[in-house]
Structure formats: C-alpha cells, structure tokens
Amino acid sequence: MASDGRHDYSVYSGRRTVGVRKAWNGAEAVIDYLTTLGCRSNEIVMLGPDSVVWRGATFTAKRVAVEQLAA
C-alpha cells in the first residue's frame, strides 16, 4: 500500500495481465492504464467497480496482495 492509502492493482485484458497500477480502486487503475496508452476517455465505458470496456475489449483490475509483490 502506498503511504497515501492507494493499493496496487493488477490490470488484465481478458485473462492476461498487462500491468500493475497504484490506485484508489480497480476502475481507476484500469482507466489510468488505458489513458497512458493513449485511449481517449470518451471511448472507455464503465462496466463495474473494477472493469471497463474499450473498443470491445474488457479490462479488469484485481487488488494485489503484498505477499504477491515480494515473490
């Protein structure tokens, strides 16, 4: 966990891990990942608290446990 309260989230495209982001929640982690790739925010559709769709592709995020990061 970051000192400001954010957590690490693994970002998935389908079942494949595509990145790790520090964020307040899963949706923020996915949106941050996509916007750093150059995706426009008006193309991103929220599906739930930890998933979005961009151009037909579903992206999700899951919180990473501290033990997993050390391994």
N, C-alpha and C. Protein backbone atom coordinates (compact mmCIF):
# COMPACT_ATOMS: atom_id res chain seq x y z
N MET A 1 0.84 -1.17 0.00
CA MET A 1 0.00 0.00 0.00
C MET A 1 0.89 1.23 0.00
N ALA A 2 0.53 2.20 -0.80
CA ALA A 2 1.26 3.46 -0.83
C ALA A 2 0.96 4.24 0.45
N SER A 3 1.82 5.19 0.77
CA SER A 3 1.64 5.94 2.00
C SER A 3 0.37 6.80 1.98
N ASP A 4 -0.18 7.06 0.81
CA ASP A 4 -1.39 7.88 0.73
C ASP A 4 -2.66 7.03 0.74
N GLY A 5 -2.57 5.72 0.92
CA GLY A 5 -3.74 4.87 1.02
C GLY A 5 -4.10 4.12 -0.25
N ARG A 6 -3.41 4.41 -1.35
CA ARG A 6 -3.69 3.69 -2.59
C ARG A 6 -3.13 2.28 -2.49
N HIS A 7 -3.66 1.37 -3.32
CA HIS A 7 -3.23 -0.02 -3.35
C HIS A 7 -2.72 -0.36 -4.74
N ASP A 8 -1.98 -1.45 -4.83
CA ASP A 8 -1.52 -1.96 -6.13
C ASP A 8 -2.61 -2.84 -6.72
N TYR A 9 -2.89 -2.63 -8.01
CA TYR A 9 -3.88 -3.42 -8.73
C TYR A 9 -3.23 -4.00 -9.98
N SER A 10 -3.46 -5.29 -10.22
CA SER A 10 -3.06 -5.92 -11.48
C SER A 10 -4.16 -5.62 -12.49
N VAL A 11 -3.76 -5.18 -13.67
CA VAL A 11 -4.71 -4.87 -14.73
C VAL A 11 -4.68 -6.01 -15.73
N TYR A 12 -5.87 -6.49 -16.10
CA TYR A 12 -6.00 -7.62 -17.01
C TYR A 12 -6.74 -7.22 -18.28
N SER A 13 -6.28 -7.75 -19.39
CA SER A 13 -7.01 -7.70 -20.65
C SER A 13 -7.47 -9.13 -20.89
N GLY A 14 -8.75 -9.38 -20.68
CA GLY A 14 -9.21 -10.76 -20.68
C GLY A 14 -8.61 -11.49 -19.50
N ARG A 15 -7.85 -12.55 -19.77
CA ARG A 15 -7.18 -13.30 -18.68
C ARG A 15 -5.69 -12.97 -18.58
N ARG A 16 -5.20 -12.09 -19.44
CA ARG A 16 -3.77 -11.78 -19.48
C ARG A 16 -3.46 -10.53 -18.67
N THR A 17 -2.45 -10.62 -17.80
CA THR A 17 -2.01 -9.45 -17.04
C THR A 17 -1.24 -8.52 -17.96
N VAL A 18 -1.65 -7.24 -17.97
CA VAL A 18 -1.00 -6.27 -18.84
C VAL A 18 -0.27 -5.18 -18.07
N GLY A 19 -0.49 -5.08 -16.76
CA GLY A 19 0.22 -4.06 -16.00
C GLY A 19 -0.18 -4.06 -14.54
N VAL A 20 0.51 -3.22 -13.78
CA VAL A 20 0.21 -3.01 -12.37
C VAL A 20 0.17 -1.50 -12.16
N ARG A 21 -0.86 -1.05 -11.46
CA ARG A 21 -1.02 0.38 -11.19
C ARG A 21 -1.37 0.60 -9.72
N LYS A 22 -0.94 1.74 -9.18
CA LYS A 22 -1.35 2.16 -7.85
C LYS A 22 -2.59 3.04 -8.04
N ALA A 23 -3.66 2.71 -7.30
CA ALA A 23 -4.90 3.46 -7.46
C ALA A 23 -5.76 3.31 -6.22
N TRP A 24 -6.81 4.14 -6.15
CA TRP A 24 -7.76 4.07 -5.05
C TRP A 24 -8.72 2.91 -5.22
N ASN A 25 -9.00 2.54 -6.48
CA ASN A 25 -9.91 1.42 -6.73
C ASN A 25 -9.58 0.79 -8.08
N GLY A 26 -10.22 -0.33 -8.39
CA GLY A 26 -9.91 -1.06 -9.61
C GLY A 26 -10.21 -0.29 -10.88
N ALA A 27 -11.35 0.39 -10.91
CA ALA A 27 -11.71 1.14 -12.12
C ALA A 27 -10.69 2.23 -12.41
N GLU A 28 -10.22 2.91 -11.38
CA GLU A 28 -9.22 3.96 -11.56
C GLU A 28 -7.92 3.37 -12.12
N ALA A 29 -7.56 2.19 -11.64
CA ALA A 29 -6.34 1.54 -12.13
C ALA A 29 -6.44 1.22 -13.61
N VAL A 30 -7.60 0.68 -14.03
CA VAL A 30 -7.79 0.33 -15.43
C VAL A 30 -7.82 1.58 -16.31
N ILE A 31 -8.52 2.60 -15.87
CA ILE A 31 -8.61 3.84 -16.65
C ILE A 31 -7.23 4.49 -16.76
N ASP A 32 -6.47 4.48 -15.69
CA ASP A 32 -5.11 5.02 -15.73
C ASP A 32 -4.26 4.26 -16.74
N TYR A 33 -4.36 2.94 -16.72
CA TYR A 33 -3.61 2.11 -17.66
C TYR A 33 -3.98 2.47 -19.10
N LEU A 34 -5.27 2.53 -19.39
CA LEU A 34 -5.71 2.80 -20.76
C LEU A 34 -5.36 4.21 -21.23
N THR A 35 -5.49 5.20 -20.36
CA THR A 35 -5.17 6.56 -20.78
C THR A 35 -3.67 6.75 -21.02
N THR A 36 -2.83 6.00 -20.30
CA THR A 36 -1.39 6.10 -20.57
C THR A 36 -1.03 5.47 -21.91
N LEU A 37 -1.91 4.60 -22.41
CA LEU A 37 -1.70 4.03 -23.76
C LEU A 37 -2.19 4.97 -24.85
N GLY A 38 -2.88 6.04 -24.47
CA GLY A 38 -3.39 6.99 -25.44
C GLY A 38 -4.87 6.83 -25.75
N CYS A 39 -5.56 5.97 -25.02
CA CYS A 39 -7.00 5.80 -25.22
C CYS A 39 -7.73 7.04 -24.71
N ARG A 40 -8.72 7.47 -25.47
CA ARG A 40 -9.48 8.65 -25.06
C ARG A 40 -10.56 8.25 -24.06
N SER A 41 -10.79 9.11 -23.09
CA SER A 41 -11.73 8.78 -22.03
C SER A 41 -13.16 8.63 -22.54
N ASN A 42 -13.51 9.30 -23.64
CA ASN A 42 -14.88 9.15 -24.15
C ASN A 42 -15.09 7.81 -24.88
N GLU A 43 -14.03 7.02 -25.06
CA GLU A 43 -14.14 5.68 -25.65
C GLU A 43 -14.21 4.59 -24.59
N ILE A 44 -14.02 4.94 -23.32
CA ILE A 44 -13.99 3.97 -22.22
C ILE A 44 -15.36 3.93 -21.56
N VAL A 45 -15.92 2.72 -21.45
CA VAL A 45 -17.24 2.54 -20.84
C VAL A 45 -17.07 1.73 -19.56
N MET A 46 -17.59 2.27 -18.45
CA MET A 46 -17.51 1.59 -17.16
C MET A 46 -18.51 0.43 -17.13
N LEU A 47 -18.04 -0.75 -16.70
CA LEU A 47 -18.91 -1.90 -16.52
C LEU A 47 -19.24 -2.14 -15.05
N GLY A 48 -18.32 -1.83 -14.19
CA GLY A 48 -18.50 -2.07 -12.76
C GLY A 48 -17.40 -1.38 -11.98
N PRO A 49 -17.29 -1.72 -10.71
CA PRO A 49 -16.30 -1.05 -9.86
C PRO A 49 -14.86 -1.41 -10.19
N ASP A 50 -14.64 -2.46 -10.99
CA ASP A 50 -13.27 -2.84 -11.33
C ASP A 50 -13.13 -3.28 -12.78
N SER A 51 -14.05 -2.87 -13.65
CA SER A 51 -13.94 -3.28 -15.05
C SER A 51 -14.48 -2.22 -16.00
N VAL A 52 -13.85 -2.15 -17.17
CA VAL A 52 -14.27 -1.23 -18.21
C VAL A 52 -14.16 -1.93 -19.57
N VAL A 53 -14.80 -1.33 -20.56
CA VAL A 53 -14.69 -1.82 -21.94
C VAL A 53 -14.13 -0.69 -22.77
N TRP A 54 -13.17 -1.02 -23.62
CA TRP A 54 -12.62 -0.06 -24.57
C TRP A 54 -12.57 -0.74 -25.93
N ARG A 55 -13.34 -0.21 -26.87
CA ARG A 55 -13.41 -0.73 -28.24
C ARG A 55 -13.66 -2.23 -28.28
N GLY A 56 -14.56 -2.70 -27.43
CA GLY A 56 -14.93 -4.11 -27.41
C GLY A 56 -14.08 -5.00 -26.53
N ALA A 57 -12.97 -4.50 -26.04
CA ALA A 57 -12.08 -5.29 -25.17
C ALA A 57 -12.41 -4.99 -23.71
N THR A 58 -12.52 -6.04 -22.91
CA THR A 58 -12.81 -5.88 -21.48
C THR A 58 -11.52 -5.87 -20.68
N PHE A 59 -11.38 -4.88 -19.84
CA PHE A 59 -10.23 -4.75 -18.95
C PHE A 59 -10.74 -4.77 -17.52
N THR A 60 -10.06 -5.52 -16.66
CA THR A 60 -10.43 -5.60 -15.25
C THR A 60 -9.20 -5.37 -14.39
N ALA A 61 -9.44 -5.17 -13.10
CA ALA A 61 -8.34 -5.00 -12.16
C ALA A 61 -8.64 -5.77 -10.89
N LYS A 62 -7.60 -6.34 -10.32
CA LYS A 62 -7.71 -7.04 -9.05
C LYS A 62 -6.62 -6.54 -8.13
N ARG A 63 -7.00 -6.33 -6.88
CA ARG A 63 -6.03 -5.84 -5.90
C ARG A 63 -4.96 -6.89 -5.65
N VAL A 64 -3.71 -6.44 -5.61
CA VAL A 64 -2.58 -7.32 -5.41
C VAL A 64 -2.23 -7.38 -3.93
N ALA A 65 -2.11 -8.58 -3.41
CA ALA A 65 -1.70 -8.75 -2.02
C ALA A 65 -0.21 -8.42 -1.90
N VAL A 66 0.19 -7.92 -0.75
CA VAL A 66 1.58 -7.53 -0.53
C VAL A 66 2.52 -8.71 -0.71
N GLU A 67 2.11 -9.91 -0.29
CA GLU A 67 2.96 -11.10 -0.42
C GLU A 67 3.24 -11.42 -1.88
N GLN A 68 2.28 -11.18 -2.77
CA GLN A 68 2.47 -11.46 -4.19
C GLN A 68 3.51 -10.55 -4.81
N LEU A 69 3.59 -9.32 -4.35
CA LEU A 69 4.57 -8.39 -4.90
C LEU A 69 5.99 -8.79 -4.53
N ALA A 70 6.19 -9.35 -3.35
CA ALA A 70 7.52 -9.72 -2.89
C ALA A 70 8.03 -10.96 -3.60
N ALA A 71 7.17 -11.79 -4.12
CA ALA A 71 7.58 -13.06 -4.74
C ALA A 71 8.16 -12.88 -6.11
